[in-house]
PDB file of N, CA and C in Angstrom:
ATOM      1  N   MET A   1      12.868  -1.295   0.362  1.00  0.00           N
ATOM      2  CA  MET A   1      12.028  -1.307   0.841  1.00  0.00           C
ATOM      3  C   MET A   1      10.876  -0.090   1.437  1.00  0.00           C
ATOM      4  N   VAL A   2      10.101  -0.248   0.981  1.00  0.00           N
ATOM      5  CA  VAL A   2       9.133   1.255   0.893  1.00  0.00           C
ATOM      6  C   VAL A   2       8.095   1.414   2.066  1.00  0.00           C
ATOM      7  N   HIS A   3       7.976   1.453   3.412  1.00  0.00           N
ATOM      8  CA  HIS A   3       6.824   1.022   4.052  1.00  0.00           C
ATOM      9  C   HIS A   3       5.680   2.482   3.902  1.00  0.00           C
ATOM     10  N   LEU A   4       4.263   1.923   4.227  1.00  0.00           N
ATOM     11  CA  LEU A   4       3.350   2.678   4.281  1.00  0.00           C
ATOM     12  C   LEU A   4       2.208   2.177   5.215  1.00  0.00           C
ATOM     13  N   ASP A   5       1.491   2.794   5.633  1.00  0.00           N
ATOM     14  CA  ASP A   5       0.386   2.412   6.300  1.00  0.00           C
ATOM     15  C   ASP A   5      -1.155   2.810   5.639  1.00  0.00           C
ATOM     16  N   ASN A   6      -2.068   2.467   6.154  1.00  0.00           N
ATOM     17  CA  ASN A   6      -3.006   2.712   5.664  1.00  0.00           C
ATOM     18  C   ASN A   6      -3.272   1.772   4.364  1.00  0.00           C
ATOM     19  N   GLY A   7      -3.032   0.351   4.249  1.00  0.00           N
ATOM     20  CA  GLY A   7      -2.962  -0.469   2.991  1.00  0.00           C
ATOM     21  C   GLY A   7      -4.197  -0.608   2.315  1.00  0.00           C
ATOM     22  N   PHE A   8      -5.350  -0.328   2.897  1.00  0.00           N
ATOM     23  CA  PHE A   8      -6.738   0.075   2.473  1.00  0.00           C
ATOM     24  C   PHE A   8      -6.928   1.231   1.106  1.00  0.00           C
ATOM     25  N   ASP A   9      -5.674   2.253   1.478  1.00  0.00           N
ATOM     26  CA  ASP A   9      -6.220   3.744   0.931  1.00  0.00           C
ATOM     27  C   ASP A   9      -5.407   3.268  -0.381  1.00  0.00           C
ATOM     28  N   LYS A  10      -5.941   3.248  -1.675  1.00  0.00           N
ATOM     29  CA  LYS A  10      -5.273   2.600  -3.103  1.00  0.00           C
ATOM     30  C   LYS A  10      -5.092   4.495  -3.399  1.00  0.00           C
ATOM     31  N   ASP A  11      -5.378   5.276  -3.276  1.00  0.00           N
ATOM     32  CA  ASP A  11      -4.904   6.586  -3.810  1.00  0.00           C
ATOM     33  C   ASP A  11      -3.274   6.824  -2.673  1.00  0.00           C
ATOM     34  N   LEU A  12      -3.401   6.998  -1.640  1.00  0.00           N
ATOM     35  CA  LEU A  12      -2.121   7.239  -0.597  1.00  0.00           C
ATOM     36  C   LEU A  12      -0.998   6.525  -1.337  1.00  0.00           C
ATOM     37  N   TYR A  13      -1.418   5.118  -1.758  1.00  0.00           N
ATOM     38  CA  TYR A  13      -0.109   4.730  -2.578  1.00  0.00           C
ATOM     39  C   TYR A  13       0.411   4.958  -3.882  1.00  0.00           C
ATOM     40  N   ASP A  14      -0.885   5.556  -4.595  1.00  0.00           N
ATOM     41  CA  ASP A  14      -0.580   5.635  -5.929  1.00  0.00           C
ATOM     42  C   ASP A  14      -0.010   6.915  -5.723  1.00  0.00           C
ATOM     43  N   PHE A  15      -0.299   8.046  -4.597  1.00  0.00           N
ATOM     44  CA  PHE A  15       0.408   9.153  -4.676  1.00  0.00           C
ATOM     45  C   PHE A  15       2.138   8.952  -4.079  1.00  0.00           C
ATOM     46  N   ASN A  16       2.211   8.306  -3.203  1.00  0.00           N
ATOM     47  CA  ASN A  16       3.505   8.683  -2.818  1.00  0.00           C
ATOM     48  C   ASN A  16       4.404   7.593  -3.400  1.00  0.00           C
ATOM     49  N   LEU A  17       3.739   6.150  -4.015  1.00  0.00           N
ATOM     50  CA  LEU A  17       4.985   5.837  -4.659  1.00  0.00           C
ATOM     51  C   LEU A  17       4.730   6.450  -6.082  1.00  0.00           C
ATOM     52  N   GLY A  18       4.045   6.785  -6.443  1.00  0.00           N
ATOM     53  CA  GLY A  18       4.130   8.308  -7.655  1.00  0.00           C
ATOM     54  C   GLY A  18       5.144   8.961  -7.426  1.00  0.00           C
ATOM     55  N   VAL A  19       5.072   9.627  -6.387  1.00  0.00           N
ATOM     56  CA  VAL A  19       6.434  10.937  -6.240  1.00  0.00           C
ATOM     57  C   VAL A  19       7.497  10.193  -6.252  1.00  0.00           C
ATOM     58  N   LEU A  20       7.879   9.192  -5.537  1.00  0.00           N
ATOM     59  CA  LEU A  20       9.195   8.627  -5.586  1.00  0.00           C
ATOM     60  C   LEU A  20       9.471   7.913  -6.664  1.00  0.00           C
ATOM     61  N   LYS A  21       8.516   7.103  -7.629  1.00  0.00           N
ATOM     62  CA  LYS A  21       8.956   6.863  -8.698  1.00  0.00           C
ATOM     63  C   LYS A  21       9.206   8.174  -9.415  1.00  0.00           C
ATOM     64  N   ASP A  22       8.869   9.062  -9.783  1.00  0.00           N
ATOM     65  CA  ASP A  22       8.883  10.488 -10.524  1.00  0.00           C
ATOM     66  C   ASP A  22      10.375  10.914 -10.177  1.00  0.00           C
ATOM     67  N   ASN A  23      11.116  10.433  -8.511  1.00  0.00           N
ATOM     68  CA  ASN A  23      12.100  11.360  -8.337  1.00  0.00           C
ATOM     69  C   ASN A  23      13.099   9.972  -8.396  1.00  0.00           C
ATOM     70  N   GLY A  24      13.236   9.331  -8.985  1.00  0.00           N
ATOM     71  CA  GLY A  24      14.087   7.847  -9.464  1.00  0.00           C
ATOM     72  C   GLY A  24      14.236   7.261  -8.164  1.00  0.00           C
ATOM     73  N   ALA A  25      13.513   6.903  -7.333  1.00  0.00           N
ATOM     74  CA  ALA A  25      13.750   6.157  -6.101  1.00  0.00           C
ATOM     75  C   ALA A  25      13.216   4.899  -6.913  1.00  0.00           C
ATOM     76  N   LYS A  26      14.143   3.810  -6.086  1.00  0.00           N
ATOM     77  CA  LYS A  26      13.498   2.555  -6.714  1.00  0.00           C
ATOM     78  C   LYS A  26      13.571   1.261  -5.369  1.00  0.00           C
ATOM     79  N   TRP A  27      12.630   0.337  -5.619  1.00  0.00           N
ATOM     80  CA  TRP A  27      12.395   0.005  -4.215  1.00  0.00           C
ATOM     81  C   TRP A  27      11.911  -1.866  -5.318  1.00  0.00           C
ATOM     82  N   ASP A  28      12.081  -2.418  -4.279  1.00  0.00           N
ATOM     83  CA  ASP A  28      11.608  -3.905  -4.859  1.00  0.00           C
ATOM     84  C   ASP A  28      10.231  -4.726  -3.945  1.00  0.00           C
ATOM     85  N   MET A  29      10.215  -4.122  -2.983  1.00  0.00           N
ATOM     86  CA  MET A  29       8.892  -4.548  -2.031  1.00  0.00           C
ATOM     87  C   MET A  29       8.059  -3.249  -1.472  1.00  0.00           C
ATOM     88  N   ILE A  30       7.333  -3.240  -1.030  1.00  0.00           N
ATOM     89  CA  ILE A  30       6.783  -2.785  -0.314  1.00  0.00           C
ATOM     90  C   ILE A  30       5.982  -3.301   1.284  1.00  0.00           C
ATOM     91  N   GLY A  31       6.079  -2.506   2.009  1.00  0.00           N
ATOM     92  CA  GLY A  31       6.169  -2.804   3.614  1.00  0.00           C
ATOM     93  C   GLY A  31       4.753  -2.150   4.061  1.00  0.00           C
ATOM     94  N   MET A  32       3.602  -2.958   3.890  1.00  0.00           N
ATOM     95  CA  MET A  32       1.906  -2.393   4.446  1.00  0.00           C
ATOM     96  C   MET A  32       1.457  -2.709   5.506  1.00  0.00           C
ATOM     97  N   SER A  33       1.305  -1.482   6.368  1.00  0.00           N
ATOM     98  CA  SER A  33       0.251  -1.861   7.394  1.00  0.00           C
ATOM     99  C   SER A  33      -1.270  -1.706   7.084  1.00  0.00           C
ATOM    100  N   LEU A  34      -1.744  -2.496   7.398  1.00  0.00           N
ATOM    101  CA  LEU A  34      -3.253  -2.567   7.260  1.00  0.00           C
ATOM    102  C   LEU A  34      -3.922  -2.379   8.657  1.00  0.00           C
ATOM    103  N   TYR A  35      -4.936  -1.642   9.125  1.00  0.00           N
ATOM    104  CA  TYR A  35      -5.631  -1.569  10.103  1.00  0.00           C
ATOM    105  C   TYR A  35      -7.090  -1.998   9.734  1.00  0.00           C
ATOM    106  N   PRO A  36      -7.656  -2.979   9.890  1.00  0.00           N
ATOM    107  CA  PRO A  36      -9.150  -3.320   9.281  1.00  0.00           C
ATOM    108  C   PRO A  36      -9.965  -2.650  10.419  1.00  0.00           C
ATOM    109  N   TYR A  37      -9.949  -2.608  11.590  1.00  0.00           N
ATOM    110  CA  TYR A  37     -10.790  -1.618  12.546  1.00  0.00           C
ATOM    111  C   TYR A  37     -10.825  -0.430  12.039  1.00  0.00           C
ATOM    112  N   TRP A  38      -9.342   0.502  11.582  1.00  0.00           N
ATOM    113  CA  TRP A  38     -10.145   1.841  11.207  1.00  0.00           C
ATOM    114  C   TRP A  38     -10.425   1.823   9.749  1.00  0.00           C
ATOM    115  N   ALA A  39      -9.916   1.007   8.906  1.00  0.00           N
ATOM    116  CA  ALA A  39     -10.474   0.849   7.932  1.00  0.00           C
ATOM    117  C   ALA A  39     -12.104   0.716   7.803  1.00  0.00           C
ATOM    118  N   LEU A  40     -12.590  -0.290   8.302  1.00  0.00           N
ATOM    119  CA  LEU A  40     -14.162  -0.023   8.293  1.00  0.00           C
ATOM    120  C   LEU A  40     -14.503   0.950   9.243  1.00  0.00           C
ATOM    121  N   ASP A  41     -13.887   1.353  10.251  1.00  0.00           N
ATOM    122  CA  ASP A  41     -14.744   2.708  10.924  1.00  0.00           C
ATOM    123  C   ASP A  41     -14.922   3.942   9.840  1.00  0.00           C
ATOM    124  N   GLY A  42     -13.526   3.818   9.038  1.00  0.00           N
ATOM    125  CA  GLY A  42     -13.823   5.184   8.177  1.00  0.00           C
ATOM    126  C   GLY A  42     -14.339   4.755   6.768  1.00  0.00           C
ATOM    127  N   GLY A  43     -15.087   3.853   6.567  1.00  0.00           N
ATOM    128  CA  GLY A  43     -15.770   3.211   5.481  1.00  0.00           C
ATOM    129  C   GLY A  43     -14.817   2.739   4.206  1.00  0.00           C
ATOM    130  N   PHE A  44     -13.801   2.413   4.509  1.00  0.00           N
ATOM    131  CA  PHE A  44     -13.071   2.057   3.632  1.00  0.00           C
ATOM    132  C   PHE A  44     -13.220   0.311   3.435  1.00  0.00           C
ATOM    133  N   ARG A  45     -12.850  -0.423   1.906  1.00  0.00           N
ATOM    134  CA  ARG A  45     -12.856  -2.040   1.792  1.00  0.00           C
ATOM    135  C   ARG A  45     -11.689  -2.129   2.477  1.00  0.00           C
ATOM    136  N   THR A  46     -11.528  -3.708   2.775  1.00  0.00           N
ATOM    137  CA  THR A  46     -10.574  -4.013   3.740  1.00  0.00           C
ATOM    138  C   THR A  46     -10.106  -5.266   2.923  1.00  0.00           C
ATOM    139  N   ASP A  47     -10.414  -5.816   1.615  1.00  0.00           N
ATOM    140  CA  ASP A  47     -10.016  -6.503   1.156  1.00  0.00           C
ATOM    141  C   ASP A  47      -8.521  -6.635   0.289  1.00  0.00           C
ATOM    142  N   GLU A  48      -7.979  -7.021   1.637  1.00  0.00           N
ATOM    143  CA  GLU A  48      -6.565  -7.538   1.047  1.00  0.00           C
ATOM    144  C   GLU A  48      -6.033  -7.791  -0.034  1.00  0.00           C
ATOM    145  N   ASP A  49      -6.519  -8.626  -0.943  1.00  0.00           N
ATOM    146  CA  ASP A  49      -6.082  -9.206  -2.087  1.00  0.00           C
ATOM    147  C   ASP A  49      -6.130  -8.236  -3.102  1.00  0.00           C
ATOM    148  N   GLN A  50      -7.175  -7.497  -3.017  1.00  0.00           N
ATOM    149  CA  GLN A  50      -7.428  -6.556  -3.998  1.00  0.00           C
ATOM    150  C   GLN A  50      -6.247  -4.924  -3.929  1.00  0.00           C
ATOM    151  N   VAL A  51      -6.196  -4.791  -2.313  1.00  0.00           N
ATOM    152  CA  VAL A  51      -5.157  -3.770  -1.615  1.00  0.00           C
ATOM    153  C   VAL A  51      -3.929  -3.936  -2.524  1.00  0.00           C
ATOM    154  N   ILE A  52      -3.417  -5.770  -2.428  1.00  0.00           N
ATOM    155  CA  ILE A  52      -2.166  -5.982  -3.159  1.00  0.00           C
ATOM    156  C   ILE A  52      -1.990  -6.051  -4.275  1.00  0.00           C
ATOM    157  N   THR A  53      -3.049  -6.609  -4.991  1.00  0.00           N
ATOM    158  CA  THR A  53      -3.171  -6.317  -6.737  1.00  0.00           C
ATOM    159  C   THR A  53      -3.402  -5.048  -7.073  1.00  0.00           C
ATOM    160  N   ASP A  54      -3.711  -4.012  -6.499  1.00  0.00           N
ATOM    161  CA  ASP A  54      -3.859  -2.281  -6.942  1.00  0.00           C
ATOM    162  C   ASP A  54      -2.162  -2.132  -6.441  1.00  0.00           C
ATOM    163  N   CYS A  55      -1.922  -2.657  -5.651  1.00  0.00           N
ATOM    164  CA  CYS A  55      -0.284  -2.039  -5.325  1.00  0.00           C
ATOM    165  C   CYS A  55       0.594  -2.838  -6.283  1.00  0.00           C
ATOM    166  N   ASN A  56       0.672  -3.773  -6.863  1.00  0.00           N
ATOM    167  CA  ASN A  56       1.695  -4.503  -7.550  1.00  0.00           C
ATOM    168  C   ASN A  56       1.304  -3.650  -9.101  1.00  0.00           C
ATOM    169  N   ASP A  57       0.188  -3.092  -9.760  1.00  0.00           N
ATOM    170  CA  ASP A  57       0.199  -2.455 -10.723  1.00  0.00           C
ATOM    171  C   ASP A  57       0.861  -1.414 -11.194  1.00  0.00           C
ATOM    172  N   GLY A  58       2.070  -1.831 -11.412  1.00  0.00           N
ATOM    173  CA  GLY A  58       3.679  -0.811 -11.503  1.00  0.00           C
ATOM    174  C   GLY A  58       4.212  -0.205 -10.679  1.00  0.00           C
ATOM    175  N   HIS A  59       4.267  -0.595  -9.804  1.00  0.00           N
ATOM    176  CA  HIS A  59       4.842   0.024  -8.390  1.00  0.00           C
ATOM    177  C   HIS A  59       5.572  -0.908  -7.825  1.00  0.00           C
ATOM    178  N   CYS A  60       5.613  -2.154  -7.944  1.00  0.00           N
ATOM    179  CA  CYS A  60       6.316  -3.138  -7.138  1.00  0.00           C
ATOM    180  C   CYS A  60       6.244  -4.439  -7.781  1.00  0.00           C
ATOM    181  N   LYS A  61       7.544  -5.066  -6.893  1.00  0.00           N
ATOM    182  CA  LYS A  61       7.103  -6.679  -7.322  1.00  0.00           C
ATOM    183  C   LYS A  61       6.745  -7.668  -6.406  1.00  0.00           C
ATOM    184  N   GLY A  62       6.372  -7.507  -4.924  1.00  0.00           N
ATOM    185  CA  GLY A  62       5.782  -7.686  -4.220  1.00  0.00           C
ATOM    186  C   GLY A  62       5.372  -6.449  -2.742  1.00  0.00           C
ATOM    187  N   VAL A  63       4.598  -7.285  -2.018  1.00  0.00           N
ATOM    188  CA  VAL A  63       3.836  -6.571  -1.004  1.00  0.00           C
ATOM    189  C   VAL A  63       4.361  -7.295   0.094  1.00  0.00           C
ATOM    190  N   PHE A  64       4.929  -6.799   1.473  1.00  0.00           N
ATOM    191  CA  PHE A  64       5.039  -7.527   2.567  1.00  0.00           C
ATOM    192  C   PHE A  64       4.252  -6.784   3.555  1.00  0.00           C
ATOM    193  N   TYR A  65       3.515  -7.927   4.617  1.00  0.00           N
ATOM    194  CA  TYR A  65       2.509  -6.807   5.556  1.00  0.00           C
ATOM    195  C   TYR A  65       3.572  -6.937   6.841  1.00  0.00           C
ATOM    196  N   TRP A  66       3.265  -5.211   6.987  1.00  0.00           N
ATOM    197  CA  TRP A  66       4.523  -4.909   7.578  1.00  0.00           C
ATOM    198  C   TRP A  66       3.775  -5.226   9.263  1.00  0.00           C
ATOM    199  N   GLU A  67       2.853  -4.909   9.160  1.00  0.00           N
ATOM    200  CA  GLU A  67       2.084  -5.069  10.263  1.00  0.00           C
ATOM    201  C   GLU A  67       0.522  -5.180   9.993  1.00  0.00           C
ATOM    202  N   GLU A  68      -0.807  -5.615  10.623  1.00  0.00           N
ATOM    203  CA  GLU A  68      -1.847  -6.047  10.647  1.00  0.00           C
ATOM    204  C   GLU A  68      -2.345  -6.217  12.076  1.00  0.00           C
ATOM    205  N   HIS A  69      -3.596  -5.603  12.522  1.00  0.00           N
ATOM    206  CA  HIS A  69      -4.333  -5.770  13.558  1.00  0.00           C
ATOM    207  C   HIS A  69      -5.713  -5.797  13.513  1.00  0.00           C
TER     208      HIS A  69
END
């Protein structure tokens, strides 16, 4: 499992998971922390379904919400 915060930030996930993948790391699930309050405060979308869809596109088999506040 790979754990990342800011589940609303697709670029963060694409970058970090891309680096891991390019360097041979393997994982079967992503632990995602999502903080809707901070996402809205920063002007990001908070549509969890879209975030999961984005994350599943080539990166993993599933997403586990690690924490959500």
